Amino acid sequence: MKVYVDEGGERRLIGRADVPEGCGPVFEAPLFGAASTIAEAFTVGAVTHLPEGGGAPVVERAVLAAPGQLVDLMTGWQPLAS
């Protein structure tokens, strides 16, 4: 799933992570120990894109990280290629 950071209402694509498509509105990534011990909660929501050539908006589900969240803790984290 794509991962965006939400900075003041603007969403910027920063990478991808292995998040199940069927997960609910919150994805919890365990920080250490058992998943029930300590986890970081990430919001899963909708991101809308307007196609460059016009047409209907495209909506996708994605992880919406808050500024300062450590997204590299998510399973299968892959930052955007530089």
C-alpha atoms as a PDB file:
ATOM      1  CA  MET A   1       0.000   0.000   0.000  1.00  0.00           C
ATOM      2  CA  LYS A   2       1.260   3.518  -0.714  1.00  0.00           C
ATOM      3  CA  VAL A   3       2.304   5.642   2.266  1.00  0.00           C
ATOM      4  CA  TYR A   4       1.726   9.389   2.397  1.00  0.00           C
ATOM      5  CA  VAL A   5       2.651  11.908   5.063  1.00  0.00           C
ATOM      6  CA  ASP A   6      -0.120  14.365   5.912  1.00  0.00           C
ATOM      7  CA  GLU A   7       1.454  17.785   6.369  1.00  0.00           C
ATOM      8  CA  GLY A   8      -1.129  20.451   7.096  1.00  0.00           C
ATOM      9  CA  GLY A   9      -3.782  18.820   4.925  1.00  0.00           C
ATOM     10  CA  GLU A  10      -1.401  18.238   2.001  1.00  0.00           C
ATOM     11  CA  ARG A  11      -0.536  14.598   1.334  1.00  0.00           C
ATOM     12  CA  ARG A  12       2.935  13.788   0.018  1.00  0.00           C
ATOM     13  CA  LEU A  13       3.811  10.290  -1.236  1.00  0.00           C
ATOM     14  CA  ILE A  14       6.876   8.976   0.624  1.00  0.00           C
ATOM     15  CA  GLY A  15       6.928   5.225  -0.076  1.00  0.00           C
ATOM     16  CA  ARG A  16       5.203   1.844   0.211  1.00  0.00           C
ATOM     17  CA  ALA A  17       4.670  -0.717   2.964  1.00  0.00           C
ATOM     18  CA  ASP A  18       3.170  -4.184   3.337  1.00  0.00           C
ATOM     19  CA  VAL A  19      -0.247  -3.273   4.719  1.00  0.00           C
ATOM     20  CA  PRO A  20      -3.145  -5.635   4.026  1.00  0.00           C
ATOM     21  CA  GLU A  21      -5.708  -4.085   1.659  1.00  0.00           C
ATOM     22  CA  GLY A  22      -8.529  -5.341   3.873  1.00  0.00           C
ATOM     23  CA  CYS A  23      -7.346  -3.670   7.083  1.00  0.00           C
ATOM     24  CA  GLY A  24      -9.610  -1.198   8.856  1.00  0.00           C
ATOM     25  CA  PRO A  25      -9.100   2.530   9.423  1.00  0.00           C
ATOM     26  CA  VAL A  26      -6.097   1.943  11.721  1.00  0.00           C
ATOM     27  CA  PHE A  27      -3.018  -0.202  11.010  1.00  0.00           C
ATOM     28  CA  GLU A  28      -0.917  -1.078  14.046  1.00  0.00           C
ATOM     29  CA  ALA A  29       2.779  -1.808  13.527  1.00  0.00           C
ATOM     30  CA  PRO A  30       4.426  -3.558  16.501  1.00  0.00           C
ATOM     31  CA  LEU A  31       7.464  -1.662  17.784  1.00  0.00           C
ATOM     32  CA  PHE A  32       8.912  -4.580  19.755  1.00  0.00           C
ATOM     33  CA  GLY A  33       7.802  -7.754  21.459  1.00  0.00           C
ATOM     34  CA  ALA A  34       4.366  -9.182  20.850  1.00  0.00           C
ATOM     35  CA  ALA A  35       1.978  -7.154  18.704  1.00  0.00           C
ATOM     36  CA  SER A  36      -0.165  -6.533  21.777  1.00  0.00           C
ATOM     37  CA  THR A  37       2.716  -4.995  23.760  1.00  0.00           C
ATOM     38  CA  ILE A  38       3.600  -1.651  22.152  1.00  0.00           C
ATOM     39  CA  ALA A  39       2.571  -0.628  18.652  1.00  0.00           C
ATOM     40  CA  GLU A  40       2.515   2.489  16.497  1.00  0.00           C
ATOM     41  CA  ALA A  41      -0.932   3.271  15.039  1.00  0.00           C
ATOM     42  CA  PHE A  42      -1.148   4.513  11.449  1.00  0.00           C
ATOM     43  CA  THR A  43      -4.286   5.906   9.845  1.00  0.00           C
ATOM     44  CA  VAL A  44      -5.557   4.209   6.689  1.00  0.00           C
ATOM     45  CA  GLY A  45      -7.697   6.510   4.580  1.00  0.00           C
ATOM     46  CA  ALA A  46      -8.516   7.728   1.094  1.00  0.00           C
ATOM     47  CA  VAL A  47      -6.320   9.838  -1.164  1.00  0.00           C
ATOM     48  CA  THR A  48      -7.911  11.473  -4.215  1.00  0.00           C
ATOM     49  CA  HIS A  49      -5.960  12.271  -7.376  1.00  0.00           C
ATOM     50  CA  LEU A  50      -7.097  14.305 -10.375  1.00  0.00           C
ATOM     51  CA  PRO A  51      -5.818  12.782 -13.647  1.00  0.00           C
ATOM     52  CA  GLU A  52      -3.480  15.083 -15.595  1.00  0.00           C
ATOM     53  CA  GLY A  53      -5.485  14.760 -18.796  1.00  0.00           C
ATOM     54  CA  GLY A  54      -8.798  15.388 -17.063  1.00  0.00           C
ATOM     55  CA  GLY A  55     -11.530  12.934 -16.247  1.00  0.00           C
ATOM     56  CA  ALA A  56     -13.028  11.582 -13.082  1.00  0.00           C
ATOM     57  CA  PRO A  57     -11.024  11.733  -9.838  1.00  0.00           C
ATOM     58  CA  VAL A  58      -9.208   8.556  -8.807  1.00  0.00           C
ATOM     59  CA  VAL A  59      -9.479   7.472  -5.170  1.00  0.00           C
ATOM     60  CA  GLU A  60      -7.056   5.018  -3.530  1.00  0.00           C
ATOM     61  CA  ARG A  61      -6.681   3.632  -0.018  1.00  0.00           C
ATOM     62  CA  ALA A  62      -3.359   4.484   1.551  1.00  0.00           C
ATOM     63  CA  VAL A  63      -1.535   4.870   4.846  1.00  0.00           C
ATOM     64  CA  LEU A  64      -1.648   8.493   6.047  1.00  0.00           C
ATOM     65  CA  ALA A  65       1.246   9.095   8.418  1.00  0.00           C
ATOM     66  CA  ALA A  66       1.394  12.089  10.720  1.00  0.00           C
ATOM     67  CA  PRO A  67       4.496  14.306  10.617  1.00  0.00           C
ATOM     68  CA  GLY A  68       7.193  12.701  12.754  1.00  0.00           C
ATOM     69  CA  GLN A  69       5.825   9.148  12.617  1.00  0.00           C
ATOM     70  CA  LEU A  70       8.558   6.580  11.945  1.00  0.00           C
ATOM     71  CA  VAL A  71       7.180   4.905   8.829  1.00  0.00           C
ATOM     72  CA  ASP A  72      10.327   2.807   8.372  1.00  0.00           C
ATOM     73  CA  LEU A  73       9.032   0.618  11.233  1.00  0.00           C
ATOM     74  CA  MET A  74       6.246  -0.715   9.001  1.00  0.00           C
ATOM     75  CA  THR A  75       6.643  -4.207   7.555  1.00  0.00           C
ATOM     76  CA  GLY A  76       8.146  -4.194   4.068  1.00  0.00           C
ATOM     77  CA  TRP A  77       8.850  -0.444   4.131  1.00  0.00           C
ATOM     78  CA  GLN A  78      10.262   0.885   0.846  1.00  0.00           C
ATOM     79  CA  PRO A  79      10.991   4.608   0.507  1.00  0.00           C
ATOM     80  CA  LEU A  80      10.590   6.316  -2.856  1.00  0.00           C
ATOM     81  CA  ALA A  81      13.599   5.873  -5.122  1.00  0.00           C
ATOM     82  CA  SER A  82      15.764   9.010  -5.191  1.00  0.00           C
END
